[in-house]
């Protein structure tokens, strides 16, 4: 009761000034639950930023390759560029969920896709003896990353 009018058992009205007590062990009020659509949309800013950094890495790799005549893959350049951006600039919190998703699940999916592409080409070219090596490479990539 936070104060106000109190009616006792005899019907007498009295003004009370009692304060409500708060239990310090009680949990805070629950946050409203987000819908699946809201949760999915929360990943978009970070995924978009990750995509832009990835594309910039591929463009940079192409430019370096053109100038030096040394072939340079865009994947490691994009990963290094992403690490540089993450460690140089304060990335706002709204980008974190998508960046985390891109750095874990999306990266692992990419490794599996590249491994599948390589395994199909290698099996066609080298025969069934290449399957264990390809599976070990893809497995190591998934475990280490």
N, C-alpha and C. Protein backbone atom coordinates (compact mmCIF):
# COMPACT_ATOMS: atom_id res chain seq x y z
N UNK A 1 0.85 -1.17 0.00
CA UNK A 1 0.00 0.00 0.00
C UNK A 1 0.89 1.23 0.00
N UNK A 2 0.59 2.22 -0.83
CA UNK A 2 1.46 3.39 -0.95
C UNK A 2 0.90 4.62 -0.29
N UNK A 3 -0.06 4.49 0.51
CA UNK A 3 -0.65 5.65 1.18
C UNK A 3 -1.98 5.98 0.55
N UNK A 4 -2.84 6.63 1.28
CA UNK A 4 -4.14 6.98 0.76
C UNK A 4 -5.21 6.69 1.78
N UNK A 5 -6.40 6.30 1.33
CA UNK A 5 -7.53 6.04 2.22
C UNK A 5 -7.61 4.55 2.46
N UNK A 6 -7.77 4.19 3.72
CA UNK A 6 -7.88 2.80 4.10
C UNK A 6 -9.19 2.64 4.88
N UNK A 7 -9.94 1.60 4.56
CA UNK A 7 -11.19 1.34 5.29
C UNK A 7 -10.95 0.10 6.13
N UNK A 8 -11.08 0.27 7.45
CA UNK A 8 -10.85 -0.89 8.32
C UNK A 8 -12.12 -1.73 8.39
N UNK A 9 -12.07 -2.79 9.17
CA UNK A 9 -13.18 -3.73 9.27
C UNK A 9 -14.48 -3.08 9.73
N UNK A 10 -14.43 -1.98 10.48
CA UNK A 10 -15.64 -1.35 10.99
C UNK A 10 -16.20 -0.31 10.05
N UNK A 11 -15.64 -0.15 8.88
CA UNK A 11 -16.13 0.82 7.91
C UNK A 11 -15.63 2.22 8.16
N UNK A 12 -14.63 2.40 9.08
CA UNK A 12 -14.09 3.72 9.38
C UNK A 12 -12.99 4.02 8.38
N UNK A 13 -13.07 5.22 7.80
CA UNK A 13 -12.06 5.62 6.82
C UNK A 13 -10.93 6.34 7.55
N UNK A 14 -9.69 5.89 7.28
CA UNK A 14 -8.53 6.54 7.87
C UNK A 14 -7.53 6.85 6.76
N UNK A 15 -6.85 7.95 6.90
CA UNK A 15 -5.79 8.32 5.98
C UNK A 15 -4.51 7.65 6.44
N UNK A 16 -3.87 6.92 5.56
CA UNK A 16 -2.64 6.22 5.94
C UNK A 16 -1.48 6.79 5.14
N UNK A 17 -0.30 6.68 5.71
CA UNK A 17 0.91 7.17 5.06
C UNK A 17 1.96 6.07 4.96
N UNK A 18 1.50 4.83 4.95
CA UNK A 18 2.45 3.73 4.86
C UNK A 18 3.10 3.70 3.49
N UNK A 19 4.37 3.36 3.46
CA UNK A 19 5.11 3.25 2.20
C UNK A 19 5.18 1.79 1.81
N UNK A 20 5.15 1.52 0.54
CA UNK A 20 5.28 0.15 0.06
C UNK A 20 6.74 -0.28 0.22
N UNK A 21 6.92 -1.51 0.62
CA UNK A 21 8.29 -2.03 0.74
C UNK A 21 8.63 -2.81 -0.51
N UNK A 22 9.87 -2.69 -0.92
CA UNK A 22 10.36 -3.38 -2.11
C UNK A 22 11.25 -4.51 -1.66
N UNK A 23 11.00 -5.68 -2.17
CA UNK A 23 11.82 -6.83 -1.85
C UNK A 23 13.09 -6.78 -2.69
N UNK A 24 14.27 -6.65 -2.07
CA UNK A 24 15.50 -6.55 -2.86
C UNK A 24 15.85 -7.85 -3.58
N UNK A 25 15.24 -8.95 -3.20
CA UNK A 25 15.51 -10.23 -3.84
C UNK A 25 14.60 -10.50 -5.04
N UNK A 26 13.61 -9.64 -5.24
CA UNK A 26 12.70 -9.86 -6.36
C UNK A 26 13.41 -9.51 -7.67
N UNK A 27 13.01 -10.17 -8.72
CA UNK A 27 13.64 -9.95 -10.01
C UNK A 27 13.05 -8.71 -10.67
N UNK A 28 13.85 -8.06 -11.54
CA UNK A 28 13.33 -6.88 -12.23
C UNK A 28 12.23 -7.30 -13.20
N UNK A 29 11.41 -6.36 -13.61
CA UNK A 29 10.34 -6.70 -14.54
C UNK A 29 10.93 -7.25 -15.85
N UNK A 30 10.26 -8.22 -16.41
CA UNK A 30 10.75 -8.85 -17.64
C UNK A 30 10.63 -7.88 -18.81
N UNK A 31 11.62 -7.96 -19.71
CA UNK A 31 11.57 -7.14 -20.91
C UNK A 31 10.54 -7.73 -21.86
N UNK A 32 9.91 -6.88 -22.66
CA UNK A 32 8.94 -7.42 -23.61
C UNK A 32 9.66 -8.33 -24.61
N UNK A 33 9.03 -9.43 -24.96
CA UNK A 33 9.62 -10.41 -25.86
C UNK A 33 9.59 -9.86 -27.29
N UNK A 34 10.73 -10.02 -27.98
CA UNK A 34 10.82 -9.57 -29.36
C UNK A 34 10.28 -10.66 -30.28
N UNK A 35 9.64 -10.24 -31.36
CA UNK A 35 9.15 -11.21 -32.32
C UNK A 35 10.31 -11.76 -33.14
N UNK A 36 10.07 -12.85 -33.83
CA UNK A 36 11.11 -13.44 -34.68
C UNK A 36 11.54 -12.48 -35.77
N UNK A 37 10.59 -11.73 -36.31
CA UNK A 37 10.92 -10.76 -37.36
C UNK A 37 11.81 -9.66 -36.80
N UNK A 38 11.49 -9.15 -35.61
CA UNK A 38 12.32 -8.11 -35.00
C UNK A 38 13.72 -8.63 -34.72
N UNK A 39 13.80 -9.88 -34.26
CA UNK A 39 15.11 -10.47 -33.98
C UNK A 39 15.91 -10.64 -35.26
N UNK A 40 15.27 -11.09 -36.32
CA UNK A 40 15.96 -11.27 -37.60
C UNK A 40 16.41 -9.92 -38.17
N UNK A 41 15.57 -8.91 -38.03
CA UNK A 41 15.94 -7.58 -38.53
C UNK A 41 17.11 -6.99 -37.73
N UNK A 42 17.29 -7.42 -36.50
CA UNK A 42 18.40 -6.95 -35.68
C UNK A 42 19.75 -7.37 -36.21
N UNK A 43 19.79 -8.43 -37.03
CA UNK A 43 21.04 -8.90 -37.62
C UNK A 43 21.44 -8.10 -38.87
N UNK A 44 20.49 -7.45 -39.52
CA UNK A 44 20.75 -6.83 -40.81
C UNK A 44 21.84 -5.75 -40.81
N UNK A 45 21.87 -4.83 -39.85
CA UNK A 45 22.94 -3.82 -39.90
C UNK A 45 24.34 -4.43 -39.87
N UNK A 46 24.57 -5.38 -38.98
CA UNK A 46 25.89 -6.01 -38.88
C UNK A 46 26.22 -6.86 -40.09
N UNK A 47 25.22 -7.58 -40.62
CA UNK A 47 25.46 -8.37 -41.83
C UNK A 47 25.77 -7.46 -43.01
N UNK A 48 25.08 -6.33 -43.09
CA UNK A 48 25.36 -5.37 -44.17
C UNK A 48 26.76 -4.79 -44.06
N UNK A 49 27.16 -4.43 -42.85
CA UNK A 49 28.52 -3.90 -42.64
C UNK A 49 29.55 -4.97 -42.98
N UNK A 50 29.31 -6.21 -42.56
CA UNK A 50 30.23 -7.30 -42.86
C UNK A 50 30.35 -7.52 -44.36
N UNK A 51 29.23 -7.44 -45.06
CA UNK A 51 29.24 -7.58 -46.52
C UNK A 51 30.07 -6.47 -47.17
N UNK A 52 29.88 -5.24 -46.71
CA UNK A 52 30.64 -4.11 -47.28
C UNK A 52 32.14 -4.27 -47.03
N UNK A 53 32.51 -4.68 -45.83
CA UNK A 53 33.94 -4.90 -45.53
C UNK A 53 34.49 -6.03 -46.38
N UNK A 54 33.69 -7.07 -46.57
CA UNK A 54 34.10 -8.20 -47.42
C UNK A 54 34.35 -7.74 -48.86
N UNK A 55 33.42 -6.98 -49.40
CA UNK A 55 33.57 -6.49 -50.76
C UNK A 55 34.78 -5.56 -50.88
N UNK A 56 35.00 -4.72 -49.88
CA UNK A 56 36.17 -3.84 -49.89
C UNK A 56 37.46 -4.66 -49.87
N UNK A 57 37.46 -5.77 -49.12
CA UNK A 57 38.62 -6.66 -49.09
C UNK A 57 38.91 -7.27 -50.45
N UNK A 58 37.87 -7.67 -51.17
CA UNK A 58 38.07 -8.23 -52.50
C UNK A 58 38.55 -7.18 -53.49
N UNK A 59 38.02 -5.97 -53.40
CA UNK A 59 38.48 -4.88 -54.27
C UNK A 59 39.94 -4.56 -53.98
N UNK A 60 40.29 -4.48 -52.69
CA UNK A 60 41.67 -4.19 -52.31
C UNK A 60 42.61 -5.29 -52.79
N UNK A 61 42.20 -6.55 -52.65
CA UNK A 61 43.02 -7.66 -53.13
C UNK A 61 43.22 -7.59 -54.63
N UNK A 62 42.18 -7.22 -55.36
CA UNK A 62 42.29 -7.07 -56.82
C UNK A 62 43.24 -5.96 -57.20
N UNK A 63 43.19 -4.85 -56.46
CA UNK A 63 44.08 -3.73 -56.75
C UNK A 63 45.54 -4.09 -56.47
N UNK A 64 45.77 -4.74 -55.34
CA UNK A 64 47.14 -5.15 -54.99
C UNK A 64 47.66 -6.15 -56.01
N UNK A 65 46.82 -7.09 -56.42
CA UNK A 65 47.22 -8.08 -57.42
C UNK A 65 47.56 -7.42 -58.74
N UNK A 66 46.78 -6.41 -59.13
CA UNK A 66 47.02 -5.72 -60.40
C UNK A 66 48.32 -4.94 -60.37
N UNK A 67 48.64 -4.33 -59.24
CA UNK A 67 49.85 -3.50 -59.13
C UNK A 67 51.10 -4.36 -59.01
N UNK A 68 51.02 -5.44 -58.25
CA UNK A 68 52.22 -6.23 -57.95
C UNK A 68 52.37 -7.47 -58.83
N UNK A 69 51.38 -7.78 -59.65
CA UNK A 69 51.37 -9.01 -60.45
C UNK A 69 51.50 -10.27 -59.61
N UNK A 70 51.09 -10.20 -58.36
CA UNK A 70 51.07 -11.35 -57.46
C UNK A 70 49.60 -11.63 -57.15
N UNK A 71 49.13 -12.83 -57.48
CA UNK A 71 47.72 -13.12 -57.17
C UNK A 71 47.47 -13.13 -55.66
N UNK A 72 46.45 -12.40 -55.25
CA UNK A 72 46.12 -12.28 -53.84
C UNK A 72 44.63 -12.57 -53.69
N UNK A 73 44.31 -13.53 -52.83
CA UNK A 73 42.91 -13.89 -52.60
C UNK A 73 42.22 -12.81 -51.78
N UNK A 74 40.96 -12.57 -52.11
CA UNK A 74 40.19 -11.57 -51.38
C UNK A 74 39.76 -12.01 -50.00
N UNK A 75 39.67 -13.33 -49.77
CA UNK A 75 39.17 -13.83 -48.48
C UNK A 75 40.09 -13.41 -47.32
N UNK A 76 41.40 -13.71 -47.38
CA UNK A 76 42.23 -13.29 -46.24
C UNK A 76 42.33 -11.77 -46.11
N UNK A 77 42.30 -11.07 -47.24
CA UNK A 77 42.34 -9.61 -47.18
C UNK A 77 41.08 -9.08 -46.51
N UNK A 78 39.93 -9.67 -46.83
CA UNK A 78 38.67 -9.24 -46.20
C UNK A 78 38.67 -9.53 -44.70
N UNK A 79 39.21 -10.69 -44.31
CA UNK A 79 39.27 -11.03 -42.88
C UNK A 79 40.20 -10.06 -42.15
N UNK A 80 41.35 -9.76 -42.73
CA UNK A 80 42.29 -8.81 -42.11
C UNK A 80 41.69 -7.41 -42.06
N UNK A 81 41.00 -7.02 -43.12
CA UNK A 81 40.36 -5.69 -43.14
C UNK A 81 39.27 -5.61 -42.08
N UNK A 82 38.49 -6.68 -41.92
CA UNK A 82 37.45 -6.70 -40.88
C UNK A 82 38.05 -6.60 -39.49
N UNK A 83 39.16 -7.32 -39.27
CA UNK A 83 39.83 -7.25 -37.96
C UNK A 83 40.37 -5.84 -37.71
N UNK A 84 40.91 -5.21 -38.76
CA UNK A 84 41.44 -3.86 -38.61
C UNK A 84 40.32 -2.86 -38.29
N UNK A 85 39.18 -2.99 -38.98
CA UNK A 85 38.05 -2.09 -38.72
C UNK A 85 37.55 -2.29 -37.29
N UNK A 86 37.41 -3.55 -36.88
CA UNK A 86 36.89 -3.85 -35.54
C UNK A 86 37.82 -3.33 -34.45
N UNK A 87 39.13 -3.38 -34.67
CA UNK A 87 40.08 -2.96 -33.63
C UNK A 87 40.44 -1.48 -33.71
N UNK A 88 40.08 -0.81 -34.80
CA UNK A 88 40.43 0.59 -34.96
C UNK A 88 39.27 1.52 -34.60
N UNK A 89 38.07 1.13 -34.97
CA UNK A 89 36.90 1.99 -34.78
C UNK A 89 35.98 1.39 -33.73
N UNK A 90 35.29 2.26 -33.02
CA UNK A 90 34.27 1.80 -32.07
C UNK A 90 33.01 1.49 -32.86
N UNK A 91 32.76 0.22 -33.08
CA UNK A 91 31.59 -0.19 -33.85
C UNK A 91 30.37 -0.10 -32.95
N UNK A 92 29.32 0.61 -33.37
CA UNK A 92 28.12 0.76 -32.53
C UNK A 92 27.49 -0.59 -32.20
N UNK A 93 26.80 -0.64 -31.09
CA UNK A 93 26.21 -1.88 -30.59
C UNK A 93 25.17 -2.46 -31.54
N UNK A 94 24.52 -1.63 -32.33
CA UNK A 94 23.49 -2.14 -33.24
C UNK A 94 24.07 -3.06 -34.31
N UNK A 95 25.39 -2.98 -34.56
CA UNK A 95 26.03 -3.83 -35.56
C UNK A 95 26.51 -5.16 -34.98
N UNK A 96 26.64 -5.26 -33.67
CA UNK A 96 27.24 -6.44 -33.02
C UNK A 96 26.53 -7.76 -33.32
N UNK A 97 25.19 -7.84 -33.24
CA UNK A 97 24.57 -9.14 -33.51
C UNK A 97 24.88 -9.68 -34.91
N UNK A 98 24.81 -8.83 -35.91
CA UNK A 98 25.08 -9.26 -37.28
C UNK A 98 26.54 -9.59 -37.51
N UNK A 99 27.44 -8.83 -36.89
CA UNK A 99 28.87 -9.12 -37.02
C UNK A 99 29.20 -10.46 -36.38
N UNK A 100 28.59 -10.72 -35.22
CA UNK A 100 28.81 -12.00 -34.54
C UNK A 100 28.29 -13.15 -35.40
N UNK A 101 27.12 -12.99 -36.00
CA UNK A 101 26.56 -14.01 -36.87
C UNK A 101 27.45 -14.23 -38.09
N UNK A 102 27.92 -13.14 -38.69
CA UNK A 102 28.78 -13.26 -39.88
C UNK A 102 30.11 -13.92 -39.54
N UNK A 103 30.63 -13.65 -38.35
CA UNK A 103 31.92 -14.21 -37.96
C UNK A 103 31.85 -15.63 -37.46
N UNK A 104 30.65 -16.16 -37.27
CA UNK A 104 30.55 -17.54 -36.78
C UNK A 104 29.79 -18.40 -37.78
N UNK A 105 28.50 -18.30 -37.79
CA UNK A 105 27.67 -19.20 -38.60
C UNK A 105 27.86 -18.98 -40.10
N UNK A 106 27.87 -17.74 -40.55
CA UNK A 106 28.01 -17.47 -41.98
C UNK A 106 29.40 -17.89 -42.46
N UNK A 107 30.43 -17.63 -41.65
CA UNK A 107 31.78 -18.03 -42.02
C UNK A 107 31.89 -19.55 -42.11
N UNK A 108 31.30 -20.26 -41.16
CA UNK A 108 31.33 -21.72 -41.20
C UNK A 108 30.57 -22.26 -42.41
N UNK A 109 29.44 -21.64 -42.73
CA UNK A 109 28.69 -22.05 -43.91
C UNK A 109 29.52 -21.84 -45.17
N UNK A 110 30.25 -20.74 -45.23
CA UNK A 110 31.13 -20.48 -46.37
C UNK A 110 32.23 -21.52 -46.49
N UNK A 111 32.78 -21.93 -45.36
CA UNK A 111 33.82 -22.96 -45.38
C UNK A 111 33.26 -24.27 -45.91
N UNK A 112 32.06 -24.63 -45.47
CA UNK A 112 31.43 -25.86 -45.95
C UNK A 112 31.17 -25.77 -47.45
N UNK A 113 30.69 -24.62 -47.92
CA UNK A 113 30.42 -24.45 -49.36
C UNK A 113 31.69 -24.56 -50.19
N UNK A 114 32.75 -23.91 -49.74
CA UNK A 114 34.03 -23.99 -50.45
C UNK A 114 34.55 -25.42 -50.42
N UNK A 115 34.44 -26.06 -49.27
CA UNK A 115 34.87 -27.45 -49.16
C UNK A 115 34.08 -28.37 -50.07
N UNK A 116 32.78 -28.14 -50.18
CA UNK A 116 31.96 -28.96 -51.06
C UNK A 116 32.35 -28.74 -52.52
N UNK A 117 32.58 -27.49 -52.89
CA UNK A 117 32.99 -27.18 -54.27
C UNK A 117 34.32 -27.86 -54.57
N UNK A 118 35.27 -27.72 -53.66
CA UNK A 118 36.58 -28.35 -53.87
C UNK A 118 36.46 -29.87 -53.89
N UNK A 119 35.65 -30.41 -52.99
CA UNK A 119 35.56 -31.87 -52.94
C UNK A 119 34.95 -32.41 -54.23
N UNK A 120 33.94 -31.75 -54.77
CA UNK A 120 33.34 -32.23 -56.01
C UNK A 120 34.34 -32.18 -57.15
N UNK A 121 35.10 -31.09 -57.25
CA UNK A 121 36.10 -30.97 -58.31
C UNK A 121 37.25 -31.94 -58.11
N UNK A 122 37.71 -32.09 -56.87
CA UNK A 122 38.84 -32.98 -56.61
C UNK A 122 38.46 -34.44 -56.78
N UNK A 123 37.26 -34.81 -56.37
CA UNK A 123 36.84 -36.20 -56.55
C UNK A 123 36.75 -36.52 -58.04
N UNK A 124 36.26 -35.57 -58.82
CA UNK A 124 36.18 -35.79 -60.26
C UNK A 124 37.57 -35.91 -60.88
N UNK A 125 38.51 -35.12 -60.39
CA UNK A 125 39.85 -35.12 -60.97
C UNK A 125 40.75 -36.22 -60.39
N UNK A 126 40.72 -36.43 -59.09
CA UNK A 126 41.67 -37.35 -58.46
C UNK A 126 41.04 -38.66 -58.01
N UNK A 127 39.76 -38.76 -58.06
CA UNK A 127 39.13 -40.00 -57.65
C UNK A 127 38.77 -39.99 -56.18
N UNK A 128 38.33 -41.11 -55.68
CA UNK A 128 37.83 -41.24 -54.32
C UNK A 128 38.93 -41.10 -53.26
N UNK A 129 40.19 -41.21 -53.65
CA UNK A 129 41.28 -41.11 -52.67
C UNK A 129 41.40 -39.70 -52.07
N UNK A 130 40.84 -38.70 -52.73
CA UNK A 130 40.95 -37.32 -52.23
C UNK A 130 39.89 -36.98 -51.17
N UNK A 131 38.86 -37.80 -51.05
CA UNK A 131 37.76 -37.49 -50.13
C UNK A 131 38.23 -37.33 -48.68
N UNK A 132 39.05 -38.25 -48.12
CA UNK A 132 39.48 -38.05 -46.72
C UNK A 132 40.26 -36.75 -46.51
N UNK A 133 41.09 -36.37 -47.46
CA UNK A 133 41.86 -35.13 -47.31
C UNK A 133 40.95 -33.91 -47.33
N UNK A 134 39.98 -33.91 -48.21
CA UNK A 134 39.04 -32.79 -48.28
C UNK A 134 38.20 -32.72 -47.01
N UNK A 135 37.73 -33.87 -46.52
CA UNK A 135 36.93 -33.88 -45.29
C UNK A 135 37.75 -33.41 -44.09
N UNK A 136 39.01 -33.80 -44.04
CA UNK A 136 39.87 -33.35 -42.95
C UNK A 136 40.10 -31.84 -43.03
N UNK A 137 40.28 -31.32 -44.22
CA UNK A 137 40.50 -29.86 -44.39
C UNK A 137 39.27 -29.07 -43.97
N UNK A 138 38.11 -29.49 -44.44
CA UNK A 138 36.88 -28.78 -44.08
C UNK A 138 36.63 -28.92 -42.58
N UNK A 139 36.82 -30.10 -42.03
CA UNK A 139 36.63 -30.31 -40.59
C UNK A 139 37.55 -29.44 -39.76
N UNK A 140 38.83 -29.35 -40.18
CA UNK A 140 39.77 -28.50 -39.45
C UNK A 140 39.34 -27.03 -39.52
N UNK A 141 38.86 -26.61 -40.67
CA UNK A 141 38.40 -25.23 -40.82
C UNK A 141 37.22 -24.93 -39.91
N UNK A 142 36.30 -25.88 -39.78
CA UNK A 142 35.14 -25.67 -38.92
C UNK A 142 35.51 -25.67 -37.45
N UNK A 143 36.45 -26.51 -37.07
CA UNK A 143 36.85 -26.59 -35.67
C UNK A 143 37.70 -25.39 -35.26
N UNK A 144 38.61 -24.98 -36.11
CA UNK A 144 39.56 -23.93 -35.75
C UNK A 144 38.97 -22.53 -35.88
N UNK A 145 37.95 -22.37 -36.68
CA UNK A 145 37.39 -21.03 -36.87
C UNK A 145 36.15 -20.85 -36.10
